[in-house]
Amino acid sequence: MRNINEQPIGKIINQLIDEYKLRDKLLQVKLPHIWEKLMGTAIAKRTVDISLKNGILLIRISSAPLKNDLIFENENIKTRMNEELGGEFVKEVRVM
């Protein structure tokens, strides 16, 4: 006999993450790994910092030519990152 209060563990974990406001912190931890997965090791090695603040994905690049290339890929980066993150977390991409 099933208990009426039973819920899937994933739903409970998501509720706890939201209740304790941990989603932003978890995203910050995931970002470098997702970035390397999407863009490759060569680009990840030239990435000084990557962070997400208020829907703005901030990417600091150490190579000027690479920075210029990535600026033209803003929409593509936004779309791919949101797909990997599983939601519309990235509203804008800024490459610096």
N, C-alpha and C. Protein backbone atom coordinates (compact mmCIF):
# COMPACT_ATOMS: atom_id res chain seq x y z
N MET A 1 0.83 -1.17 0.00
CA MET A 1 0.00 0.00 0.00
C MET A 1 0.88 1.24 0.00
N ARG A 2 0.61 2.16 -0.90
CA ARG A 2 1.41 3.38 -1.04
C ARG A 2 0.90 4.46 -0.09
N ASN A 3 1.85 5.20 0.44
CA ASN A 3 1.55 6.32 1.30
C ASN A 3 1.13 7.52 0.44
N ILE A 4 0.12 8.24 0.85
CA ILE A 4 -0.38 9.40 0.10
C ILE A 4 0.68 10.48 -0.03
N ASN A 5 1.59 10.60 0.92
CA ASN A 5 2.60 11.65 0.92
C ASN A 5 3.83 11.31 0.09
N GLU A 6 3.86 10.17 -0.57
CA GLU A 6 5.02 9.79 -1.36
C GLU A 6 5.16 10.70 -2.57
N GLN A 7 6.41 11.14 -2.84
CA GLN A 7 6.72 11.97 -3.99
C GLN A 7 8.03 11.48 -4.59
N PRO A 8 8.22 11.71 -5.89
CA PRO A 8 9.50 11.34 -6.49
C PRO A 8 10.64 12.11 -5.84
N ILE A 9 11.78 11.44 -5.67
CA ILE A 9 12.93 12.04 -4.99
C ILE A 9 13.42 13.29 -5.72
N GLY A 10 13.36 13.30 -7.06
CA GLY A 10 13.80 14.46 -7.83
C GLY A 10 12.97 15.69 -7.51
N LYS A 11 11.68 15.51 -7.34
CA LYS A 11 10.79 16.63 -7.02
C LYS A 11 11.12 17.17 -5.63
N ILE A 12 11.38 16.28 -4.69
CA ILE A 12 11.72 16.70 -3.32
C ILE A 12 13.04 17.47 -3.31
N ILE A 13 14.03 16.97 -4.06
CA ILE A 13 15.34 17.65 -4.12
C ILE A 13 15.17 19.05 -4.72
N ASN A 14 14.40 19.15 -5.80
CA ASN A 14 14.17 20.48 -6.42
C ASN A 14 13.46 21.43 -5.46
N GLN A 15 12.53 20.91 -4.68
CA GLN A 15 11.84 21.75 -3.70
C GLN A 15 12.83 22.26 -2.65
N LEU A 16 13.72 21.39 -2.19
CA LEU A 16 14.72 21.79 -1.20
C LEU A 16 15.69 22.82 -1.77
N ILE A 17 16.11 22.60 -3.02
CA ILE A 17 17.02 23.55 -3.67
C ILE A 17 16.37 24.92 -3.76
N ASP A 18 15.10 24.97 -4.13
CA ASP A 18 14.39 26.24 -4.21
C ASP A 18 14.16 26.86 -2.84
N GLU A 19 13.78 26.02 -1.88
CA GLU A 19 13.49 26.52 -0.53
C GLU A 19 14.73 27.16 0.11
N TYR A 20 15.89 26.53 -0.09
CA TYR A 20 17.11 27.05 0.51
C TYR A 20 17.89 27.97 -0.43
N LYS A 21 17.26 28.33 -1.56
CA LYS A 21 17.84 29.27 -2.53
C LYS A 21 19.25 28.85 -2.96
N LEU A 22 19.37 27.59 -3.35
CA LEU A 22 20.66 27.05 -3.76
C LEU A 22 20.84 26.95 -5.27
N ARG A 23 19.78 27.22 -6.03
CA ARG A 23 19.85 27.03 -7.49
C ARG A 23 20.96 27.87 -8.13
N ASP A 24 21.09 29.14 -7.74
CA ASP A 24 22.13 30.00 -8.32
C ASP A 24 23.53 29.47 -8.01
N LYS A 25 23.73 29.00 -6.80
CA LYS A 25 25.03 28.46 -6.42
C LYS A 25 25.36 27.19 -7.20
N LEU A 26 24.36 26.35 -7.39
CA LEU A 26 24.56 25.13 -8.18
C LEU A 26 24.89 25.46 -9.63
N LEU A 27 24.23 26.46 -10.17
CA LEU A 27 24.52 26.87 -11.55
C LEU A 27 25.96 27.37 -11.68
N GLN A 28 26.41 28.14 -10.69
CA GLN A 28 27.78 28.66 -10.73
C GLN A 28 28.81 27.53 -10.74
N VAL A 29 28.52 26.46 -10.01
CA VAL A 29 29.43 25.32 -9.96
C VAL A 29 29.40 24.56 -11.29
N LYS A 30 28.24 24.48 -11.92
CA LYS A 30 28.09 23.75 -13.18
C LYS A 30 28.69 24.49 -14.38
N LEU A 31 28.68 25.82 -14.34
CA LEU A 31 29.05 26.62 -15.51
C LEU A 31 30.39 26.25 -16.15
N PRO A 32 31.49 26.18 -15.41
CA PRO A 32 32.77 25.85 -16.07
C PRO A 32 32.75 24.48 -16.75
N HIS A 33 32.08 23.52 -16.16
CA HIS A 33 32.02 22.18 -16.74
C HIS A 33 31.17 22.17 -18.01
N ILE A 34 30.05 22.87 -17.97
CA ILE A 34 29.19 22.96 -19.15
C ILE A 34 29.90 23.73 -20.25
N TRP A 35 30.58 24.81 -19.89
CA TRP A 35 31.31 25.63 -20.86
C TRP A 35 32.36 24.78 -21.59
N GLU A 36 33.12 24.01 -20.84
CA GLU A 36 34.15 23.16 -21.47
C GLU A 36 33.50 22.10 -22.36
N LYS A 37 32.40 21.54 -21.91
CA LYS A 37 31.70 20.52 -22.70
C LYS A 37 31.20 21.11 -24.02
N LEU A 38 30.62 22.31 -23.98
CA LEU A 38 30.06 22.93 -25.18
C LEU A 38 31.12 23.50 -26.11
N MET A 39 32.14 24.13 -25.56
CA MET A 39 33.09 24.88 -26.37
C MET A 39 34.41 24.15 -26.62
N GLY A 40 34.69 23.13 -25.82
CA GLY A 40 35.92 22.38 -25.99
C GLY A 40 37.02 22.85 -25.06
N THR A 41 38.04 22.02 -24.94
CA THR A 41 39.15 22.28 -24.01
C THR A 41 39.95 23.51 -24.40
N ALA A 42 40.19 23.70 -25.69
CA ALA A 42 41.02 24.83 -26.14
C ALA A 42 40.41 26.16 -25.71
N ILE A 43 39.12 26.33 -25.89
CA ILE A 43 38.46 27.57 -25.50
C ILE A 43 38.37 27.67 -23.98
N ALA A 44 38.08 26.56 -23.32
CA ALA A 44 37.98 26.56 -21.85
C ALA A 44 39.31 26.97 -21.21
N LYS A 45 40.43 26.57 -21.80
CA LYS A 45 41.74 26.95 -21.26
C LYS A 45 42.00 28.45 -21.38
N ARG A 46 41.37 29.09 -22.36
CA ARG A 46 41.55 30.53 -22.55
C ARG A 46 40.46 31.34 -21.86
N THR A 47 39.60 30.65 -21.14
CA THR A 47 38.55 31.32 -20.38
C THR A 47 39.07 31.60 -18.97
N VAL A 48 39.17 32.87 -18.64
CA VAL A 48 39.68 33.28 -17.33
C VAL A 48 38.61 33.11 -16.26
N ASP A 49 37.36 33.48 -16.60
CA ASP A 49 36.27 33.39 -15.64
C ASP A 49 34.95 33.29 -16.39
N ILE A 50 34.01 32.58 -15.80
CA ILE A 50 32.66 32.50 -16.36
C ILE A 50 31.70 32.51 -15.18
N SER A 51 30.68 33.37 -15.27
CA SER A 51 29.70 33.46 -14.18
C SER A 51 28.36 33.89 -14.74
N LEU A 52 27.32 33.63 -13.97
CA LEU A 52 25.97 34.00 -14.35
C LEU A 52 25.38 34.86 -13.24
N LYS A 53 25.05 36.11 -13.59
CA LYS A 53 24.49 37.04 -12.61
C LYS A 53 23.29 37.74 -13.21
N ASN A 54 22.15 37.59 -12.57
CA ASN A 54 20.91 38.24 -13.01
C ASN A 54 20.58 37.95 -14.48
N GLY A 55 20.83 36.73 -14.91
CA GLY A 55 20.51 36.34 -16.27
C GLY A 55 21.56 36.72 -17.30
N ILE A 56 22.66 37.32 -16.85
CA ILE A 56 23.74 37.73 -17.76
C ILE A 56 24.91 36.77 -17.58
N LEU A 57 25.27 36.08 -18.65
CA LEU A 57 26.42 35.18 -18.64
C LEU A 57 27.65 36.01 -18.97
N LEU A 58 28.55 36.15 -18.00
CA LEU A 58 29.78 36.92 -18.17
C LEU A 58 30.93 35.97 -18.43
N ILE A 59 31.61 36.18 -19.56
CA ILE A 59 32.71 35.30 -19.95
C ILE A 59 33.95 36.15 -20.16
N ARG A 60 35.00 35.89 -19.39
CA ARG A 60 36.26 36.61 -19.54
C ARG A 60 37.23 35.69 -20.29
N ILE A 61 37.75 36.21 -21.41
CA ILE A 61 38.63 35.45 -22.28
C ILE A 61 40.00 36.10 -22.31
N SER A 62 41.06 35.29 -22.31
CA SER A 62 42.42 35.84 -22.29
C SER A 62 42.97 36.12 -23.69
N SER A 63 42.30 35.66 -24.72
CA SER A 63 42.76 35.82 -26.10
C SER A 63 41.84 36.79 -26.85
N ALA A 64 42.42 37.89 -27.34
CA ALA A 64 41.63 38.90 -28.06
C ALA A 64 40.97 38.34 -29.33
N PRO A 65 41.68 37.57 -30.17
CA PRO A 65 41.02 37.03 -31.36
C PRO A 65 39.87 36.08 -31.01
N LEU A 66 40.06 35.27 -29.99
CA LEU A 66 39.00 34.36 -29.56
C LEU A 66 37.82 35.15 -29.01
N LYS A 67 38.11 36.21 -28.27
CA LYS A 67 37.05 37.06 -27.73
C LYS A 67 36.19 37.61 -28.87
N ASN A 68 36.83 38.09 -29.91
CA ASN A 68 36.09 38.62 -31.07
C ASN A 68 35.23 37.55 -31.73
N ASP A 69 35.76 36.36 -31.86
CA ASP A 69 34.99 35.26 -32.45
C ASP A 69 33.76 34.95 -31.60
N LEU A 70 33.94 34.90 -30.29
CA LEU A 70 32.83 34.54 -29.40
C LEU A 70 31.77 35.62 -29.33
N ILE A 71 32.15 36.87 -29.51
CA ILE A 71 31.17 37.96 -29.51
C ILE A 71 30.13 37.74 -30.61
N PHE A 72 30.59 37.24 -31.76
CA PHE A 72 29.67 36.99 -32.87
C PHE A 72 28.79 35.76 -32.64
N GLU A 73 29.13 34.96 -31.64
CA GLU A 73 28.38 33.74 -31.34
C GLU A 73 27.46 33.89 -30.13
N ASN A 74 27.19 35.12 -29.69
CA ASN A 74 26.40 35.36 -28.48
C ASN A 74 25.09 34.58 -28.44
N GLU A 75 24.29 34.68 -29.49
CA GLU A 75 22.97 34.02 -29.51
C GLU A 75 23.12 32.50 -29.47
N ASN A 76 24.09 31.99 -30.21
CA ASN A 76 24.34 30.55 -30.22
C ASN A 76 24.77 30.06 -28.84
N ILE A 77 25.65 30.82 -28.20
CA ILE A 77 26.11 30.46 -26.85
C ILE A 77 24.93 30.47 -25.88
N LYS A 78 24.11 31.50 -25.96
CA LYS A 78 22.94 31.62 -25.07
C LYS A 78 22.02 30.41 -25.24
N THR A 79 21.72 30.07 -26.47
CA THR A 79 20.82 28.95 -26.75
C THR A 79 21.39 27.64 -26.23
N ARG A 80 22.65 27.39 -26.52
CA ARG A 80 23.27 26.12 -26.11
C ARG A 80 23.40 26.01 -24.59
N MET A 81 23.75 27.12 -23.93
CA MET A 81 23.87 27.10 -22.47
C MET A 81 22.52 26.83 -21.83
N ASN A 82 21.47 27.49 -22.32
CA ASN A 82 20.13 27.27 -21.77
C ASN A 82 19.68 25.82 -21.97
N GLU A 83 20.01 25.24 -23.10
CA GLU A 83 19.66 23.84 -23.33
C GLU A 83 20.35 22.94 -22.31
N GLU A 84 21.62 23.20 -22.06
CA GLU A 84 22.38 22.39 -21.10
C GLU A 84 21.92 22.62 -19.67
N LEU A 85 21.56 23.85 -19.35
CA LEU A 85 21.13 24.17 -17.98
C LEU A 85 19.69 23.74 -17.73
N GLY A 86 18.94 23.48 -18.79
CA GLY A 86 17.58 22.99 -18.63
C GLY A 86 16.56 24.07 -18.32
N GLY A 87 16.75 25.25 -18.87
CA GLY A 87 15.80 26.34 -18.64
C GLY A 87 16.32 27.63 -19.24
N GLU A 88 15.53 28.67 -19.12
CA GLU A 88 15.90 29.98 -19.65
C GLU A 88 16.65 30.79 -18.57
N PHE A 89 17.83 30.33 -18.20
CA PHE A 89 18.61 31.00 -17.18
C PHE A 89 19.44 32.14 -17.76
N VAL A 90 19.94 31.95 -18.99
CA VAL A 90 20.79 32.95 -19.64
C VAL A 90 19.93 33.84 -20.53
N LYS A 91 19.88 35.12 -20.21
CA LYS A 91 19.11 36.08 -21.00
C LYS A 91 20.02 36.88 -21.96
N GLU A 92 21.29 37.01 -21.56
CA GLU A 92 22.24 37.80 -22.33
C GLU A 92 23.64 37.22 -22.12
N VAL A 93 24.48 37.34 -23.12
CA VAL A 93 25.87 36.87 -23.03
C VAL A 93 26.78 38.07 -23.26
N ARG A 94 27.74 38.24 -22.37
CA ARG A 94 28.75 39.30 -22.51
C ARG A 94 30.13 38.66 -22.47
N VAL A 95 30.86 38.85 -23.56
CA VAL A 95 32.24 38.33 -23.65
C VAL A 95 33.18 39.50 -23.41
N MET A 96 34.08 39.33 -22.46
CA MET A 96 35.01 40.40 -22.11
C MET A 96 36.43 39.91 -22.21
